[in-house]
Amino acid sequence: GLPVKVLHTPGHTPGSSCFLIGGYLFSGDTLFKNDICKLPDVAPGKAAGAQRRFVRMLKDKLLVLDDATRVCPGHGPVSTIAEEKRGNPFLSK
């Protein structure tokens, strides 16, 4: 009986998605505590641009969530959106 919001977050794989259920974001292999997913290999010279676009998408889709939202990755420790804004070196730039 809980509503689930699906957030399409392609990057680790083209179909990657995160699921927002109440105050919990299930981020799978997209967002980790103080880290982001490993992006697939791209043509030489295009990796930095791909990462910039991915980080922009994460900021636009995930960092707009309530700061208290708990981030539950596919593995590793749980975090919050506020903690990622402050401590994730990829997202706090």
PDB file of N, CA and C in Angstrom:
ATOM      1  N   GLY A   1       0.780  -1.193   0.000  1.00  0.00           N
ATOM      2  CA  GLY A   1       0.000   0.000   0.000  1.00  0.00           C
ATOM      3  C   GLY A   1       0.834   1.275   0.000  1.00  0.00           C
ATOM      4  N   LEU A   2       2.150   1.175  -0.217  1.00  0.00           N
ATOM      5  CA  LEU A   2       2.986   2.374  -0.247  1.00  0.00           C
ATOM      6  C   LEU A   2       3.194   2.836  -1.689  1.00  0.00           C
ATOM      7  N   PRO A   3       3.079   4.143  -1.943  1.00  0.00           N
ATOM      8  CA  PRO A   3       3.402   4.630  -3.287  1.00  0.00           C
ATOM      9  C   PRO A   3       4.910   4.560  -3.538  1.00  0.00           C
ATOM     10  N   VAL A   4       5.272   4.207  -4.746  1.00  0.00           N
ATOM     11  CA  VAL A   4       6.672   4.114  -5.161  1.00  0.00           C
ATOM     12  C   VAL A   4       6.880   5.092  -6.317  1.00  0.00           C
ATOM     13  N   LYS A   5       7.850   5.971  -6.158  1.00  0.00           N
ATOM     14  CA  LYS A   5       8.221   6.884  -7.240  1.00  0.00           C
ATOM     15  C   LYS A   5       9.488   6.342  -7.884  1.00  0.00           C
ATOM     16  N   VAL A   6       9.449   6.129  -9.190  1.00  0.00           N
ATOM     17  CA  VAL A   6      10.596   5.610  -9.930  1.00  0.00           C
ATOM     18  C   VAL A   6      11.333   6.796 -10.541  1.00  0.00           C
ATOM     19  N   LEU A   7      12.631   6.876 -10.263  1.00  0.00           N
ATOM     20  CA  LEU A   7      13.487   7.930 -10.797  1.00  0.00           C
ATOM     21  C   LEU A   7      14.494   7.277 -11.736  1.00  0.00           C
ATOM     22  N   HIS A   8      14.332   7.504 -13.031  1.00  0.00           N
ATOM     23  CA  HIS A   8      15.240   6.922 -14.019  1.00  0.00           C
ATOM     24  C   HIS A   8      16.588   7.624 -13.898  1.00  0.00           C
ATOM     25  N   THR A   9      17.617   6.846 -13.571  1.00  0.00           N
ATOM     26  CA  THR A   9      18.961   7.403 -13.347  1.00  0.00           C
ATOM     27  C   THR A   9      19.989   6.602 -14.145  1.00  0.00           C
ATOM     28  N   PRO A  10      19.913   6.664 -15.480  1.00  0.00           N
ATOM     29  CA  PRO A  10      20.857   5.897 -16.294  1.00  0.00           C
ATOM     30  C   PRO A  10      22.288   6.332 -16.042  1.00  0.00           C
ATOM     31  N   GLY A  11      23.159   5.376 -16.044  1.00  0.00           N
ATOM     32  CA  GLY A  11      24.580   5.661 -15.817  1.00  0.00           C
ATOM     33  C   GLY A  11      25.337   4.373 -15.665  1.00  0.00           C
ATOM     34  N   HIS A  12      25.161   3.704 -14.541  1.00  0.00           N
ATOM     35  CA  HIS A  12      25.822   2.414 -14.322  1.00  0.00           C
ATOM     36  C   HIS A  12      25.359   1.436 -15.412  1.00  0.00           C
ATOM     37  N   THR A  13      24.067   1.459 -15.684  1.00  0.00           N
ATOM     38  CA  THR A  13      23.483   0.760 -16.824  1.00  0.00           C
ATOM     39  C   THR A  13      22.457   1.699 -17.442  1.00  0.00           C
ATOM     40  N   PRO A  14      22.086   1.495 -18.700  1.00  0.00           N
ATOM     41  CA  PRO A  14      21.117   2.394 -19.338  1.00  0.00           C
ATOM     42  C   PRO A  14      19.754   2.408 -18.637  1.00  0.00           C
ATOM     43  N   GLY A  15      19.371   1.315 -18.015  1.00  0.00           N
ATOM     44  CA  GLY A  15      18.069   1.246 -17.370  1.00  0.00           C
ATOM     45  C   GLY A  15      18.086   1.483 -15.877  1.00  0.00           C
ATOM     46  N   SER A  16      19.199   1.942 -15.330  1.00  0.00           N
ATOM     47  CA  SER A  16      19.286   2.160 -13.878  1.00  0.00           C
ATOM     48  C   SER A  16      18.179   3.088 -13.400  1.00  0.00           C
ATOM     49  N   SER A  17      17.598   2.733 -12.279  1.00  0.00           N
ATOM     50  CA  SER A  17      16.560   3.543 -11.658  1.00  0.00           C
ATOM     51  C   SER A  17      16.735   3.508 -10.155  1.00  0.00           C
ATOM     52  N   CYS A  18      16.271   4.564  -9.516  1.00  0.00           N
ATOM     53  CA  CYS A  18      16.192   4.626  -8.064  1.00  0.00           C
ATOM     54  C   CYS A  18      14.715   4.619  -7.699  1.00  0.00           C
ATOM     55  N   PHE A  19      14.426   4.154  -6.502  1.00  0.00           N
ATOM     56  CA  PHE A  19      13.041   4.043  -6.066  1.00  0.00           C
ATOM     57  C   PHE A  19      12.866   4.809  -4.766  1.00  0.00           C
ATOM     58  N   LEU A  20      11.941   5.758  -4.767  1.00  0.00           N
ATOM     59  CA  LEU A  20      11.650   6.562  -3.593  1.00  0.00           C
ATOM     60  C   LEU A  20      10.373   6.028  -2.966  1.00  0.00           C
ATOM     61  N   ILE A  21      10.494   5.543  -1.735  1.00  0.00           N
ATOM     62  CA  ILE A  21       9.356   4.996  -1.006  1.00  0.00           C
ATOM     63  C   ILE A  21       9.336   5.684   0.349  1.00  0.00           C
ATOM     64  N   GLY A  22       8.351   6.540   0.539  1.00  0.00           N
ATOM     65  CA  GLY A  22       8.308   7.324   1.770  1.00  0.00           C
ATOM     66  C   GLY A  22       9.564   8.161   1.867  1.00  0.00           C
ATOM     67  N   GLY A  23      10.251   8.089   2.983  1.00  0.00           N
ATOM     68  CA  GLY A  23      11.479   8.858   3.176  1.00  0.00           C
ATOM     69  C   GLY A  23      12.732   8.070   2.862  1.00  0.00           C
ATOM     70  N   TYR A  24      12.608   7.032   2.039  1.00  0.00           N
ATOM     71  CA  TYR A  24      13.748   6.165   1.713  1.00  0.00           C
ATOM     72  C   TYR A  24      13.980   6.147   0.205  1.00  0.00           C
ATOM     73  N   LEU A  25      15.216   6.386  -0.184  1.00  0.00           N
ATOM     74  CA  LEU A  25      15.622   6.280  -1.583  1.00  0.00           C
ATOM     75  C   LEU A  25      16.460   5.011  -1.723  1.00  0.00           C
ATOM     76  N   PHE A  26      15.968   4.076  -2.498  1.00  0.00           N
ATOM     77  CA  PHE A  26      16.718   2.857  -2.776  1.00  0.00           C
ATOM     78  C   PHE A  26      17.487   3.113  -4.068  1.00  0.00           C
ATOM     79  N   SER A  27      18.798   3.356  -3.915  1.00  0.00           N
ATOM     80  CA  SER A  27      19.607   3.854  -5.032  1.00  0.00           C
ATOM     81  C   SER A  27      20.373   2.774  -5.785  1.00  0.00           C
ATOM     82  N   GLY A  28      20.290   1.534  -5.346  1.00  0.00           N
ATOM     83  CA  GLY A  28      20.974   0.461  -6.058  1.00  0.00           C
ATOM     84  C   GLY A  28      22.450   0.762  -6.223  1.00  0.00           C
ATOM     85  N   ASP A  29      22.927   0.691  -7.466  1.00  0.00           N
ATOM     86  CA  ASP A  29      24.334   0.963  -7.764  1.00  0.00           C
ATOM     87  C   ASP A  29      24.530   2.352  -8.373  1.00  0.00           C
ATOM     88  N   THR A  30      23.587   3.272  -8.108  1.00  0.00           N
ATOM     89  CA  THR A  30      23.688   4.630  -8.647  1.00  0.00           C
ATOM     90  C   THR A  30      24.414   5.575  -7.702  1.00  0.00           C
ATOM     91  N   LEU A  31      24.013   5.554  -6.440  1.00  0.00           N
ATOM     92  CA  LEU A  31      24.553   6.476  -5.447  1.00  0.00           C
ATOM     93  C   LEU A  31      24.901   5.691  -4.193  1.00  0.00           C
ATOM     94  N   PHE A  32      26.116   5.899  -3.711  1.00  0.00           N
ATOM     95  CA  PHE A  32      26.603   5.259  -2.493  1.00  0.00           C
ATOM     96  C   PHE A  32      26.969   6.344  -1.498  1.00  0.00           C
ATOM     97  N   LYS A  33      27.217   5.965  -0.264  1.00  0.00           N
ATOM     98  CA  LYS A  33      27.681   6.933   0.731  1.00  0.00           C
ATOM     99  C   LYS A  33      29.023   7.498   0.261  1.00  0.00           C
ATOM    100  N   ASN A  34      29.035   8.784   0.003  1.00  0.00           N
ATOM    101  CA  ASN A  34      30.232   9.513  -0.435  1.00  0.00           C
ATOM    102  C   ASN A  34      30.840   8.987  -1.729  1.00  0.00           C
ATOM    103  N   ASP A  35      30.014   8.430  -2.604  1.00  0.00           N
ATOM    104  CA  ASP A  35      30.524   7.903  -3.869  1.00  0.00           C
ATOM    105  C   ASP A  35      29.374   7.811  -4.870  1.00  0.00           C
ATOM    106  N   ILE A  36      29.723   7.643  -6.128  1.00  0.00           N
ATOM    107  CA  ILE A  36      28.749   7.388  -7.174  1.00  0.00           C
ATOM    108  C   ILE A  36      29.172   6.121  -7.897  1.00  0.00           C
ATOM    109  N   CYS A  37      28.300   5.660  -8.777  1.00  0.00           N
ATOM    110  CA  CYS A  37      28.580   4.417  -9.487  1.00  0.00           C
ATOM    111  C   CYS A  37      29.759   4.575 -10.449  1.00  0.00           C
ATOM    112  N   LYS A  38      30.294   3.456 -10.828  1.00  0.00           N
ATOM    113  CA  LYS A  38      31.295   3.427 -11.889  1.00  0.00           C
ATOM    114  C   LYS A  38      30.530   3.468 -13.202  1.00  0.00           C
ATOM    115  N   LEU A  39      30.856   4.432 -14.029  1.00  0.00           N
ATOM    116  CA  LEU A  39      30.204   4.538 -15.327  1.00  0.00           C
ATOM    117  C   LEU A  39      30.854   3.573 -16.303  1.00  0.00           C
ATOM    118  N   PRO A  40      30.083   3.120 -17.292  1.00  0.00           N
ATOM    119  CA  PRO A  40      30.674   2.226 -18.281  1.00  0.00           C
ATOM    120  C   PRO A  40      31.808   2.924 -19.033  1.00  0.00           C
ATOM    121  N   ASP A  41      32.729   2.139 -19.533  1.00  0.00           N
ATOM    122  CA  ASP A  41      33.824   2.697 -20.325  1.00  0.00           C
ATOM    123  C   ASP A  41      33.245   3.361 -21.575  1.00  0.00           C
ATOM    124  N   VAL A  42      33.760   4.542 -21.882  1.00  0.00           N
ATOM    125  CA  VAL A  42      33.366   5.254 -23.097  1.00  0.00           C
ATOM    126  C   VAL A  42      34.622   5.540 -23.897  1.00  0.00           C
ATOM    127  N   ALA A  43      34.441   6.079 -25.074  1.00  0.00           N
ATOM    128  CA  ALA A  43      35.573   6.378 -25.942  1.00  0.00           C
ATOM    129  C   ALA A  43      36.569   7.280 -25.218  1.00  0.00           C
ATOM    130  N   PRO A  44      37.848   7.081 -25.478  1.00  0.00           N
ATOM    131  CA  PRO A  44      38.864   7.933 -24.846  1.00  0.00           C
ATOM    132  C   PRO A  44      38.552   9.411 -25.080  1.00  0.00           C
ATOM    133  N   GLY A  45      38.734  10.194 -24.053  1.00  0.00           N
ATOM    134  CA  GLY A  45      38.485  11.620 -24.153  1.00  0.00           C
ATOM    135  C   GLY A  45      37.043  12.016 -23.850  1.00  0.00           C
ATOM    136  N   LYS A  46      36.141  11.044 -23.696  1.00  0.00           N
ATOM    137  CA  LYS A  46      34.734  11.360 -23.438  1.00  0.00           C
ATOM    138  C   LYS A  46      34.301  11.024 -22.015  1.00  0.00           C
ATOM    139  N   ALA A  47      35.174  10.396 -21.239  1.00  0.00           N
ATOM    140  CA  ALA A  47      34.814   9.962 -19.885  1.00  0.00           C
ATOM    141  C   ALA A  47      34.476  11.141 -18.974  1.00  0.00           C
ATOM    142  N   ALA A  48      35.274  12.203 -19.024  1.00  0.00           N
ATOM    143  CA  ALA A  48      35.033  13.350 -18.151  1.00  0.00           C
ATOM    144  C   ALA A  48      33.681  13.996 -18.451  1.00  0.00           C
ATOM    145  N   GLY A  49      33.356  14.112 -19.711  1.00  0.00           N
ATOM    146  CA  GLY A  49      32.059  14.685 -20.098  1.00  0.00           C
ATOM    147  C   GLY A  49      30.903  13.809 -19.664  1.00  0.00           C
ATOM    148  N   ALA A  50      31.058  12.497 -19.810  1.00  0.00           N
ATOM    149  CA  ALA A  50      30.014  11.569 -19.381  1.00  0.00           C
ATOM    150  C   ALA A  50      29.804  11.668 -17.878  1.00  0.00           C
ATOM    151  N   GLN A  51      30.888  11.770 -17.126  1.00  0.00           N
ATOM    152  CA  GLN A  51      30.753  11.881 -15.671  1.00  0.00           C
ATOM    153  C   GLN A  51      30.102  13.205 -15.289  1.00  0.00           C
ATOM    154  N   ARG A  52      30.457  14.301 -15.952  1.00  0.00           N
ATOM    155  CA  ARG A  52      29.834  15.602 -15.663  1.00  0.00           C
ATOM    156  C   ARG A  52      28.324  15.551 -15.910  1.00  0.00           C
ATOM    157  N   ARG A  53      27.911  14.936 -17.011  1.00  0.00           N
ATOM    158  CA  ARG A  53      26.481  14.828 -17.318  1.00  0.00           C
ATOM    159  C   ARG A  53      25.768  13.956 -16.285  1.00  0.00           C
ATOM    160  N   PHE A  54      26.418  12.869 -15.866  1.00  0.00           N
ATOM    161  CA  PHE A  54      25.832  11.978 -14.876  1.00  0.00           C
ATOM    162  C   PHE A  54      25.663  12.700 -13.537  1.00  0.00           C
ATOM    163  N   VAL A  55      26.686  13.411 -13.104  1.00  0.00           N
ATOM    164  CA  VAL A  55      26.627  14.143 -11.840  1.00  0.00           C
ATOM    165  C   VAL A  55      25.540  15.211 -11.907  1.00  0.00           C
ATOM    166  N   ARG A  56      25.413  15.917 -13.015  1.00  0.00           N
ATOM    167  CA  ARG A  56      24.368  16.931 -13.184  1.00  0.00           C
ATOM    168  C   ARG A  56      22.995  16.282 -13.035  1.00  0.00           C
ATOM    169  N   MET A  57      22.798  15.105 -13.655  1.00  0.00           N
ATOM    170  CA  MET A  57      21.530  14.385 -13.562  1.00  0.00           C
ATOM    171  C   MET A  57      21.246  13.996 -12.112  1.00  0.00           C
ATOM    172  N   LEU A  58      22.264  13.514 -11.386  1.00  0.00           N
ATOM    173  CA  LEU A  58      22.064  13.151  -9.981  1.00  0.00           C
ATOM    174  C   LEU A  58      21.669  14.369  -9.158  1.00  0.00           C
ATOM    175  N   LYS A  59      22.315  15.493  -9.403  1.00  0.00           N
ATOM    176  CA  LYS A  59      21.978  16.715  -8.678  1.00  0.00           C
ATOM    177  C   LYS A  59      20.546  17.149  -8.982  1.00  0.00           C
ATOM    178  N   ASP A  60      20.141  17.047 -10.235  1.00  0.00           N
ATOM    179  CA  ASP A  60      18.800  17.466 -10.645  1.00  0.00           C
ATOM    180  C   ASP A  60      17.711  16.527 -10.147  1.00  0.00           C
ATOM    181  N   LYS A  61      18.006  15.238 -10.054  1.00  0.00           N
ATOM    182  CA  LYS A  61      16.980  14.259  -9.696  1.00  0.00           C
ATOM    183  C   LYS A  61      17.017  13.808  -8.235  1.00  0.00           C
ATOM    184  N   LEU A  62      18.194  13.727  -7.642  1.00  0.00           N
ATOM    185  CA  LEU A  62      18.292  13.169  -6.296  1.00  0.00           C
ATOM    186  C   LEU A  62      18.560  14.222  -5.225  1.00  0.00           C
ATOM    187  N   LEU A  63      19.429  15.164  -5.500  1.00  0.00           N
ATOM    188  CA  LEU A  63      19.756  16.145  -4.465  1.00  0.00           C
ATOM    189  C   LEU A  63      18.636  17.149  -4.213  1.00  0.00           C
ATOM    190  N   VAL A  64      17.589  17.106  -5.027  1.00  0.00           N
ATOM    191  CA  VAL A  64      16.416  17.957  -4.802  1.00  0.00           C
ATOM    192  C   VAL A  64      15.452  17.312  -3.797  1.00  0.00           C
ATOM    193  N   LEU A  65      15.701  16.058  -3.451  1.00  0.00           N
ATOM    194  CA  LEU A  65      14.857  15.379  -2.471  1.00  0.00           C
ATOM    195  C   LEU A  65      15.096  15.979  -1.089  1.00  0.00           C
ATOM    196  N   ASP A  66      14.166  15.753  -0.200  1.00  0.00           N
ATOM    197  CA  ASP A  66      14.287  16.256   1.171  1.00  0.00           C
ATOM    198  C   ASP A  66      15.604  15.805   1.786  1.00  0.00           C
ATOM    199  N   ASP A  67      16.255  16.704   2.496  1.00  0.00           N
ATOM    200  CA  ASP A  67      17.553  16.400   3.115  1.00  0.00           C
ATOM    201  C   ASP A  67      17.503  15.189   4.040  1.00  0.00           C
ATOM    202  N   ALA A  68      16.365  14.931   4.645  1.00  0.00           N
ATOM    203  CA  ALA A  68      16.242  13.814   5.583  1.00  0.00           C
ATOM    204  C   ALA A  68      16.043  12.468   4.892  1.00  0.00           C
ATOM    205  N   THR A  69      15.866  12.470   3.575  1.00  0.00           N
ATOM    206  CA  THR A  69      15.670  11.217   2.844  1.00  0.00           C
ATOM    207  C   THR A  69      16.859  10.302   3.076  1.00  0.00           C
ATOM    208  N   ARG A  70      16.587   9.088   3.504  1.00  0.00           N
ATOM    209  CA  ARG A  70      17.642   8.095   3.745  1.00  0.00           C
ATOM    210  C   ARG A  70      18.001   7.440   2.421  1.00  0.00           C
ATOM    211  N   VAL A  71      19.280   7.395   2.107  1.00  0.00           N
ATOM    212  CA  VAL A  71      19.780   6.783   0.875  1.00  0.00           C
ATOM    213  C   VAL A  71      20.242   5.369   1.213  1.00  0.00           C
ATOM    214  N   CYS A  72      19.578   4.390   0.609  1.00  0.00           N
ATOM    215  CA  CYS A  72      19.875   2.972   0.848  1.00  0.00           C
ATOM    216  C   CYS A  72      20.459   2.392  -0.434  1.00  0.00           C
ATOM    217  N   PRO A  73      21.794   2.311  -0.530  1.00  0.00           N
ATOM    218  CA  PRO A  73      22.424   1.799  -1.750  1.00  0.00           C
ATOM    219  C   PRO A  73      22.326   0.274  -1.833  1.00  0.00           C
ATOM    220  N   GLY A  74      22.700  -0.240  -2.985  1.00  0.00           N
ATOM    221  CA  GLY A  74      22.697  -1.690  -3.189  1.00  0.00           C
ATOM    222  C   GLY A  74      23.669  -2.405  -2.270  1.00  0.00           C
ATOM    223  N   HIS A  75      24.706  -1.714  -1.842  1.00  0.00           N
ATOM    224  CA  HIS A  75      25.651  -2.249  -0.860  1.00  0.00           C
ATOM    225  C   HIS A  75      26.372  -1.082  -0.215  1.00  0.00           C
ATOM    226  N   GLY A  76      26.857  -1.305   0.988  1.00  0.00           N
ATOM    227  CA  GLY A  76      27.527  -0.246   1.731  1.00  0.00           C
ATOM    228  C   GLY A  76      26.575   0.425   2.702  1.00  0.00           C
ATOM    229  N   PRO A  77      27.107   1.399   3.463  1.00  0.00           N
ATOM    230  CA  PRO A  77      26.318   2.033   4.518  1.00  0.00           C
ATOM    231  C   PRO A  77      25.217   2.949   3.981  1.00  0.00           C
ATOM    232  N   VAL A  78      24.202   3.132   4.809  1.00  0.00           N
ATOM    233  CA  VAL A  78      23.096   4.043   4.524  1.00  0.00           C
ATOM    234  C   VAL A  78      23.568   5.467   4.780  1.00  0.00           C
ATOM    235  N   SER A  79      23.006   6.403   4.040  1.00  0.00           N
ATOM    236  CA  SER A  79      23.345   7.815   4.154  1.00  0.00           C
ATOM    237  C   SER A  79      22.051   8.622   4.109  1.00  0.00           C
ATOM    238  N   THR A  80      22.169   9.921   3.991  1.00  0.00           N
ATOM    239  CA  THR A  80      21.006  10.785   3.751  1.00  0.00           C
ATOM    240  C   THR A  80      21.353  11.738   2.612  1.00  0.00           C
ATOM    241  N   ILE A  81      20.336  12.347   2.054  1.00  0.00           N
ATOM    242  CA  ILE A  81      20.587  13.340   1.006  1.00  0.00           C
ATOM    243  C   ILE A  81      21.446  14.473   1.560  1.00  0.00           C
ATOM    244  N   ALA A  82      21.168  14.910   2.783  1.00  0.00           N
ATOM    245  CA  ALA A  82      21.974  15.985   3.384  1.00  0.00           C
ATOM    246  C   ALA A  82      23.437  15.578   3.502  1.00  0.00           C
ATOM    247  N   GLU A  83      23.692  14.348   3.936  1.00  0.00           N
ATOM    248  CA  GLU A  83      25.078  13.875   4.061  1.00  0.00           C
ATOM    249  C   GLU A  83      25.762  13.850   2.697  1.00  0.00           C
ATOM    250  N   GLU A  84      25.040  13.458   1.659  1.00  0.00           N
ATOM    251  CA  GLU A  84      25.640  13.409   0.321  1.00  0.00           C
ATOM    252  C   GLU A  84      25.925  14.810  -0.205  1.00  0.00           C
ATOM    253  N   LYS A  85      25.056  15.745   0.084  1.00  0.00           N
ATOM    254  CA  LYS A  85      25.305  17.133  -0.332  1.00  0.00           C
ATOM    255  C   LYS A  85      26.583  17.665   0.303  1.00  0.00           C
ATOM    256  N   ARG A  86      26.809  17.300   1.564  1.00  0.00           N
ATOM    257  CA  ARG A  86      27.977  17.796   2.303  1.00  0.00           C
ATOM    258  C   ARG A  86      29.242  17.003   2.040  1.00  0.00           C
ATOM    259  N   GLY A  87      29.138  15.674   1.987  1.00  0.00           N
ATOM    260  CA  GLY A  87      30.335  14.858   2.027  1.00  0.00           C
ATOM    261  C   GLY A  87      30.696  14.084   0.781  1.00  0.00           C
ATOM    262  N   ASN A  88      29.791  14.013  -0.196  1.00  0.00           N
ATOM    263  CA  ASN A  88      30.119  13.245  -1.396  1.00  0.00           C
ATOM    264  C   ASN A  88      30.986  14.105  -2.312  1.00  0.00           C
ATOM    265  N   PRO A  89      32.239  13.708  -2.534  1.00  0.00           N
ATOM    266  CA  PRO A  89      33.146  14.559  -3.308  1.00  0.00           C
ATOM    267  C   PRO A  89      32.683  14.781  -4.754  1.00  0.00           C
ATOM    268  N   PHE A  90      31.863  13.901  -5.277  1.00  0.00           N
ATOM    269  CA  PHE A  90      31.353  14.076  -6.641  1.00  0.00           C
ATOM    270  C   PHE A  90      30.198  15.063  -6.688  1.00  0.00           C
ATOM    271  N   LEU A  91      29.412  15.130  -5.622  1.00  0.00           N
ATOM    272  CA  LEU A  91      28.197  15.934  -5.618  1.00  0.00           C
ATOM    273  C   LEU A  91      28.330  17.261  -4.908  1.00  0.00           C
ATOM    274  N   SER A  92      29.355  17.419  -4.092  1.00  0.00           N
ATOM    275  CA  SER A  92      29.498  18.663  -3.340  1.00  0.00           C
ATOM    276  C   SER A  92      30.338  19.696  -4.079  1.00  0.00           C
ATOM    277  N   LYS A  93      30.756  19.371  -5.289  1.00  0.00           N
ATOM    278  CA  LYS A  93      31.569  20.304  -6.097  1.00  0.00           C
ATOM    279  C   LYS A  93      30.726  21.456  -6.592  1.00  0.00           C
TER     280      LYS A  93
END
